[in-house]
Amino acid sequence: MATKPVVIKFFAPIIDVTVNALMNTIDQKMKQGVKDFIILISSPGGSVIHGLSTYNYLKGLPAMIITHNFGSVDSIGLVLYCAGSRRLSVPQARFLLHAVNAQFKGNQSLEEKQLEERLKGLRIDIENIAKVIAANTDKSLEDVTNAMLERTTLNPEEAQSWGLVHEIKSQLFEAGSEVISIQAQHQPQKP
């Protein structure tokens, strides 16, 4: 008899604490022999480096990863969502694509070379995010980059027409599945 996938409810921003909790949870479950995961995602986005790193980690695992948007997958959360080899969405969800921004602290002053370095970093981040989305949709790198620069919001049907969403369905997982929650200021918890 096949075992049910472990369900991880990721209702959090993409930050070091939450992505570390996600990766550690998957690592622990894989040590127990689990090879199938459903990651339910509703995230406002967050850190580019943490999102890209988690995407690459999940894509490189010898496991079946299904991602399911159960609310809103915004910004770098979209990259995490793309880690699913099968991607689902509830009917009442959204997907937000936008460019990357730079944050400056207080009265921070930068020399010309430092500004150029920051700008180059932003451009590479946008390119890397666009590459991930393009690789997991029917859109070209140019189309995705333009959508990011235009701050595009997609509903599930539009995301499906992009090839981003494979199926729109309300049911998140089977009854009796193990569900582990990862939230913004909490460690993983079993309900």
C-alpha atoms as a PDB file:
ATOM      1  CA  MET A   1       0.000   0.000   0.000  1.00  0.00           C
ATOM      2  CA  ALA A   2       1.375   3.393  -0.980  1.00  0.00           C
ATOM      3  CA  THR A   3       1.918   5.853   1.809  1.00  0.00           C
ATOM      4  CA  LYS A   4       0.407   9.309   1.693  1.00  0.00           C
ATOM      5  CA  PRO A   5       2.677  12.273   1.024  1.00  0.00           C
ATOM      6  CA  VAL A   6       3.717  14.356   4.017  1.00  0.00           C
ATOM      7  CA  VAL A   7       1.957  17.715   3.835  1.00  0.00           C
ATOM      8  CA  ILE A   8       3.880  20.836   4.827  1.00  0.00           C
ATOM      9  CA  LYS A   9       1.790  23.965   5.257  1.00  0.00           C
ATOM     10  CA  PHE A  10       4.137  26.889   4.523  1.00  0.00           C
ATOM     11  CA  PHE A  11       2.171  29.964   5.605  1.00  0.00           C
ATOM     12  CA  ALA A  12       5.096  32.332   5.990  1.00  0.00           C
ATOM     13  CA  PRO A  13       7.452  34.808   4.391  1.00  0.00           C
ATOM     14  CA  ILE A  14      10.553  33.458   2.662  1.00  0.00           C
ATOM     15  CA  ILE A  15      13.183  34.205   5.316  1.00  0.00           C
ATOM     16  CA  ASP A  16      16.050  32.271   6.888  1.00  0.00           C
ATOM     17  CA  VAL A  17      14.027  30.860   9.790  1.00  0.00           C
ATOM     18  CA  THR A  18      11.114  29.623   7.692  1.00  0.00           C
ATOM     19  CA  VAL A  19      13.101  28.132   4.806  1.00  0.00           C
ATOM     20  CA  ASN A  20      15.492  26.445   7.243  1.00  0.00           C
ATOM     21  CA  ALA A  21      12.468  24.954   9.014  1.00  0.00           C
ATOM     22  CA  LEU A  22      11.116  23.762   5.648  1.00  0.00           C
ATOM     23  CA  MET A  23      14.388  22.168   4.555  1.00  0.00           C
ATOM     24  CA  ASN A  24      15.025  20.602   7.983  1.00  0.00           C
ATOM     25  CA  THR A  25      11.506  19.149   8.046  1.00  0.00           C
ATOM     26  CA  ILE A  26      12.001  17.591   4.626  1.00  0.00           C
ATOM     27  CA  ASP A  27      15.445  16.288   5.613  1.00  0.00           C
ATOM     28  CA  GLN A  28      14.030  14.647   8.758  1.00  0.00           C
ATOM     29  CA  LYS A  29      11.145  13.062   6.867  1.00  0.00           C
ATOM     30  CA  MET A  30      13.438  11.800   4.100  1.00  0.00           C
ATOM     31  CA  LYS A  31      15.618  10.106   6.749  1.00  0.00           C
ATOM     32  CA  GLN A  32      12.425   8.324   7.816  1.00  0.00           C
ATOM     33  CA  GLY A  33      11.937   7.110   4.236  1.00  0.00           C
ATOM     34  CA  VAL A  34       9.408   9.685   3.013  1.00  0.00           C
ATOM     35  CA  LYS A  35       9.833  10.484  -0.681  1.00  0.00           C
ATOM     36  CA  ASP A  36       6.580  12.333  -1.447  1.00  0.00           C
ATOM     37  CA  PHE A  37       5.721  15.810  -0.208  1.00  0.00           C
ATOM     38  CA  ILE A  38       2.936  18.317  -0.747  1.00  0.00           C
ATOM     39  CA  ILE A  39       3.992  21.847   0.140  1.00  0.00           C
ATOM     40  CA  LEU A  40       0.973  24.093   0.633  1.00  0.00           C
ATOM     41  CA  ILE A  41       2.193  27.655   0.057  1.00  0.00           C
ATOM     42  CA  SER A  42       0.759  31.028   0.954  1.00  0.00           C
ATOM     43  CA  SER A  43       3.564  33.566   1.178  1.00  0.00           C
ATOM     44  CA  PRO A  44       4.055  37.312   0.734  1.00  0.00           C
ATOM     45  CA  GLY A  45       7.580  36.654  -0.547  1.00  0.00           C
ATOM     46  CA  GLY A  46      10.745  37.753   1.178  1.00  0.00           C
ATOM     47  CA  SER A  47      14.454  37.154   0.643  1.00  0.00           C
ATOM     48  CA  VAL A  48      15.707  36.458  -2.878  1.00  0.00           C
ATOM     49  CA  ILE A  49      18.734  34.461  -1.727  1.00  0.00           C
ATOM     50  CA  HIS A  50      16.614  32.280   0.556  1.00  0.00           C
ATOM     51  CA  GLY A  51      13.990  31.718  -2.146  1.00  0.00           C
ATOM     52  CA  LEU A  52      16.459  30.776  -4.872  1.00  0.00           C
ATOM     53  CA  SER A  53      18.470  28.560  -2.522  1.00  0.00           C
ATOM     54  CA  THR A  54      15.352  26.718  -1.359  1.00  0.00           C
ATOM     55  CA  TYR A  55      14.155  26.268  -4.945  1.00  0.00           C
ATOM     56  CA  ASN A  56      17.505  24.764  -5.964  1.00  0.00           C
ATOM     57  CA  TYR A  57      17.537  22.538  -2.883  1.00  0.00           C
ATOM     58  CA  LEU A  58      14.023  21.194  -3.469  1.00  0.00           C
ATOM     59  CA  LYS A  59      14.612  20.661  -7.199  1.00  0.00           C
ATOM     60  CA  GLY A  60      17.757  18.672  -6.416  1.00  0.00           C
ATOM     61  CA  LEU A  61      16.148  16.260  -3.951  1.00  0.00           C
ATOM     62  CA  PRO A  62      15.422  12.635  -4.842  1.00  0.00           C
ATOM     63  CA  ALA A  63      11.792  13.226  -3.875  1.00  0.00           C
ATOM     64  CA  MET A  64       8.442  14.046  -5.461  1.00  0.00           C
ATOM     65  CA  ILE A  65       7.469  17.608  -4.575  1.00  0.00           C
ATOM     66  CA  ILE A  66       3.970  18.923  -5.260  1.00  0.00           C
ATOM     67  CA  THR A  67       3.329  22.601  -4.538  1.00  0.00           C
ATOM     68  CA  HIS A  68      -0.178  23.963  -3.966  1.00  0.00           C
ATOM     69  CA  ASN A  69      -1.045  27.666  -3.720  1.00  0.00           C
ATOM     70  CA  PHE A  70      -3.716  27.907  -1.030  1.00  0.00           C
ATOM     71  CA  GLY A  71      -3.944  31.703  -0.913  1.00  0.00           C
ATOM     72  CA  SER A  72      -1.344  34.009  -2.343  1.00  0.00           C
ATOM     73  CA  VAL A  73       2.046  33.234  -3.816  1.00  0.00           C
ATOM     74  CA  ASP A  74       3.816  36.548  -4.199  1.00  0.00           C
ATOM     75  CA  SER A  75       7.240  37.709  -5.233  1.00  0.00           C
ATOM     76  CA  ILE A  76      10.014  35.203  -4.388  1.00  0.00           C
ATOM     77  CA  GLY A  77       7.272  32.886  -3.091  1.00  0.00           C
ATOM     78  CA  LEU A  78       6.645  32.193  -6.782  1.00  0.00           C
ATOM     79  CA  VAL A  79      10.148  30.726  -7.078  1.00  0.00           C
ATOM     80  CA  LEU A  80       9.455  28.411  -4.137  1.00  0.00           C
ATOM     81  CA  TYR A  81       6.167  27.428  -5.796  1.00  0.00           C
ATOM     82  CA  CYS A  82       8.052  26.566  -9.004  1.00  0.00           C
ATOM     83  CA  ALA A  83       9.992  23.876  -7.122  1.00  0.00           C
ATOM     84  CA  GLY A  84       6.997  21.571  -7.489  1.00  0.00           C
ATOM     85  CA  SER A  85       7.168  19.033 -10.277  1.00  0.00           C
ATOM     86  CA  ARG A  86       3.375  19.253 -10.110  1.00  0.00           C
ATOM     87  CA  ARG A  87       1.876  22.646  -9.254  1.00  0.00           C
ATOM     88  CA  LEU A  88      -1.687  23.143  -8.048  1.00  0.00           C
ATOM     89  CA  SER A  89      -3.790  26.111  -6.972  1.00  0.00           C
ATOM     90  CA  VAL A  90      -7.069  26.657  -5.192  1.00  0.00           C
ATOM     91  CA  PRO A  91      -9.617  28.593  -7.316  1.00  0.00           C
ATOM     92  CA  GLN A  92      -9.447  31.723  -5.108  1.00  0.00           C
ATOM     93  CA  ALA A  93      -5.709  32.420  -5.224  1.00  0.00           C
ATOM     94  CA  ARG A  94      -3.299  34.868  -6.778  1.00  0.00           C
ATOM     95  CA  PHE A  95       0.259  34.986  -8.079  1.00  0.00           C
ATOM     96  CA  LEU A  96       2.245  38.253  -8.018  1.00  0.00           C
ATOM     97  CA  LEU A  97       5.361  38.840 -10.093  1.00  0.00           C
ATOM     98  CA  HIS A  98       7.462  41.951  -9.611  1.00  0.00           C
ATOM     99  CA  ALA A  99      11.009  43.208  -9.902  1.00  0.00           C
ATOM    100  CA  VAL A 100      13.533  43.131  -7.068  1.00  0.00           C
ATOM    101  CA  ASN A 101      14.272  46.162  -4.928  1.00  0.00           C
ATOM    102  CA  ALA A 102      17.277  47.334  -2.939  1.00  0.00           C
ATOM    103  CA  GLN A 103      16.945  48.380   0.651  1.00  0.00           C
ATOM    104  CA  PHE A 104      19.164  51.032   2.169  1.00  0.00           C
ATOM    105  CA  LYS A 105      19.702  51.549   5.869  1.00  0.00           C
ATOM    106  CA  GLY A 106      19.132  54.966   7.410  1.00  0.00           C
ATOM    107  CA  ASN A 107      21.442  57.576   5.944  1.00  0.00           C
ATOM    108  CA  GLN A 108      23.653  55.035   4.202  1.00  0.00           C
ATOM    109  CA  SER A 109      25.901  56.605   1.594  1.00  0.00           C
ATOM    110  CA  LEU A 110      27.379  54.673  -1.291  1.00  0.00           C
ATOM    111  CA  GLU A 111      30.143  55.463  -3.730  1.00  0.00           C
ATOM    112  CA  GLU A 112      29.547  55.109  -7.448  1.00  0.00           C
ATOM    113  CA  LYS A 113      31.155  51.637  -7.592  1.00  0.00           C
ATOM    114  CA  GLN A 114      29.022  50.471  -4.668  1.00  0.00           C
ATOM    115  CA  LEU A 115      25.868  51.686  -6.438  1.00  0.00           C
ATOM    116  CA  GLU A 116      26.958  49.911  -9.633  1.00  0.00           C
ATOM    117  CA  GLU A 117      27.561  46.735  -7.620  1.00  0.00           C
ATOM    118  CA  ARG A 118      24.107  46.997  -6.044  1.00  0.00           C
ATOM    119  CA  LEU A 119      22.485  47.600  -9.450  1.00  0.00           C
ATOM    120  CA  LYS A 120      24.339  44.645 -10.993  1.00  0.00           C
ATOM    121  CA  GLY A 121      23.152  42.460  -8.095  1.00  0.00           C
ATOM    122  CA  LEU A 122      19.541  43.553  -8.651  1.00  0.00           C
ATOM    123  CA  ARG A 123      19.763  42.777 -12.363  1.00  0.00           C
ATOM    124  CA  ILE A 124      21.215  39.317 -11.693  1.00  0.00           C
ATOM    125  CA  ASP A 125      18.506  38.612  -9.103  1.00  0.00           C
ATOM    126  CA  ILE A 126      15.783  39.599 -11.591  1.00  0.00           C
ATOM    127  CA  GLU A 127      17.415  37.455 -14.278  1.00  0.00           C
ATOM    128  CA  ASN A 128      17.715  34.419 -11.965  1.00  0.00           C
ATOM    129  CA  ILE A 129      14.104  34.700 -10.811  1.00  0.00           C
ATOM    130  CA  ALA A 130      12.899  35.110 -14.396  1.00  0.00           C
ATOM    131  CA  LYS A 131      14.962  32.074 -15.472  1.00  0.00           C
ATOM    132  CA  VAL A 132      13.299  29.909 -12.812  1.00  0.00           C
ATOM    133  CA  ILE A 133       9.800  31.038 -13.774  1.00  0.00           C
ATOM    134  CA  ALA A 134      10.480  30.701 -17.521  1.00  0.00           C
ATOM    135  CA  ALA A 135      11.924  27.192 -17.017  1.00  0.00           C
ATOM    136  CA  ASN A 136       8.713  26.155 -15.259  1.00  0.00           C
ATOM    137  CA  THR A 137       6.157  27.799 -17.562  1.00  0.00           C
ATOM    138  CA  ASP A 138       5.382  28.210 -21.246  1.00  0.00           C
ATOM    139  CA  LYS A 139       6.714  31.778 -21.158  1.00  0.00           C
ATOM    140  CA  SER A 140      10.025  33.047 -22.509  1.00  0.00           C
ATOM    141  CA  LEU A 141      12.653  34.694 -20.325  1.00  0.00           C
ATOM    142  CA  GLU A 142      11.793  38.023 -21.964  1.00  0.00           C
ATOM    143  CA  ASP A 143       8.048  37.556 -21.315  1.00  0.00           C
ATOM    144  CA  VAL A 144       8.646  36.745 -17.644  1.00  0.00           C
ATOM    145  CA  THR A 145      11.080  39.641 -17.180  1.00  0.00           C
ATOM    146  CA  ASN A 146       8.564  42.053 -18.722  1.00  0.00           C
ATOM    147  CA  ALA A 147       5.778  40.667 -16.516  1.00  0.00           C
ATOM    148  CA  MET A 148       7.986  41.214 -13.462  1.00  0.00           C
ATOM    149  CA  LEU A 149       8.777  44.800 -14.468  1.00  0.00           C
ATOM    150  CA  GLU A 150       5.051  45.440 -15.030  1.00  0.00           C
ATOM    151  CA  ARG A 151       4.154  44.013 -11.565  1.00  0.00           C
ATOM    152  CA  THR A 152       1.832  41.374 -12.993  1.00  0.00           C
ATOM    153  CA  THR A 153      -0.813  39.667 -10.885  1.00  0.00           C
ATOM    154  CA  LEU A 154      -2.315  36.429 -12.179  1.00  0.00           C
ATOM    155  CA  ASN A 155      -5.425  34.579 -11.078  1.00  0.00           C
ATOM    156  CA  PRO A 156      -5.279  30.750 -11.163  1.00  0.00           C
ATOM    157  CA  GLU A 157      -6.758  30.519 -14.677  1.00  0.00           C
ATOM    158  CA  GLU A 158      -4.219  33.014 -16.025  1.00  0.00           C
ATOM    159  CA  ALA A 159      -1.409  31.182 -14.215  1.00  0.00           C
ATOM    160  CA  GLN A 160      -2.669  27.935 -15.757  1.00  0.00           C
ATOM    161  CA  SER A 161      -2.600  29.488 -19.238  1.00  0.00           C
ATOM    162  CA  TRP A 162       1.045  30.407 -18.557  1.00  0.00           C
ATOM    163  CA  GLY A 163       1.807  26.759 -17.723  1.00  0.00           C
ATOM    164  CA  LEU A 164       2.627  27.773 -14.148  1.00  0.00           C
ATOM    165  CA  VAL A 165      -0.363  25.929 -12.650  1.00  0.00           C
ATOM    166  CA  HIS A 166      -1.035  22.369 -13.765  1.00  0.00           C
ATOM    167  CA  GLU A 167      -4.430  21.988 -12.067  1.00  0.00           C
ATOM    168  CA  ILE A 168      -6.896  24.146 -10.152  1.00  0.00           C
ATOM    169  CA  LYS A 169      -8.433  22.233  -7.273  1.00  0.00           C
ATOM    170  CA  SER A 170      -9.791  23.017  -3.824  1.00  0.00           C
ATOM    171  CA  GLN A 171      -8.845  19.766  -2.088  1.00  0.00           C
ATOM    172  CA  LEU A 172      -5.418  20.236  -0.549  1.00  0.00           C
ATOM    173  CA  PHE A 173      -4.645  16.684   0.636  1.00  0.00           C
ATOM    174  CA  GLU A 174      -6.194  13.354   1.582  1.00  0.00           C
ATOM    175  CA  ALA A 175      -7.843  12.800   4.945  1.00  0.00           C
ATOM    176  CA  GLY A 176      -5.465  11.228   7.428  1.00  0.00           C
ATOM    177  CA  SER A 177      -2.353  12.848   5.967  1.00  0.00           C
ATOM    178  CA  GLU A 178       0.379  14.050   8.292  1.00  0.00           C
ATOM    179  CA  VAL A 179       0.402  17.863   8.236  1.00  0.00           C
ATOM    180  CA  ILE A 180       3.319  19.934   9.513  1.00  0.00           C
ATOM    181  CA  SER A 181       2.938  23.725   9.790  1.00  0.00           C
ATOM    182  CA  ILE A 182       5.641  26.291   9.198  1.00  0.00           C
ATOM    183  CA  GLN A 183       4.612  29.803  10.137  1.00  0.00           C
ATOM    184  CA  ALA A 184       6.422  33.109  10.381  1.00  0.00           C
ATOM    185  CA  GLN A 185       7.485  33.093  14.023  1.00  0.00           C
ATOM    186  CA  HIS A 186       7.119  29.446  14.925  1.00  0.00           C
ATOM    187  CA  GLN A 187       9.077  26.268  14.482  1.00  0.00           C
ATOM    188  CA  PRO A 188       7.330  23.397  12.686  1.00  0.00           C
ATOM    189  CA  GLN A 189       4.314  22.176  14.625  1.00  0.00           C
ATOM    190  CA  LYS A 190       2.061  19.199  14.181  1.00  0.00           C
ATOM    191  CA  PRO A 191      -1.626  20.056  14.683  1.00  0.00           C
END
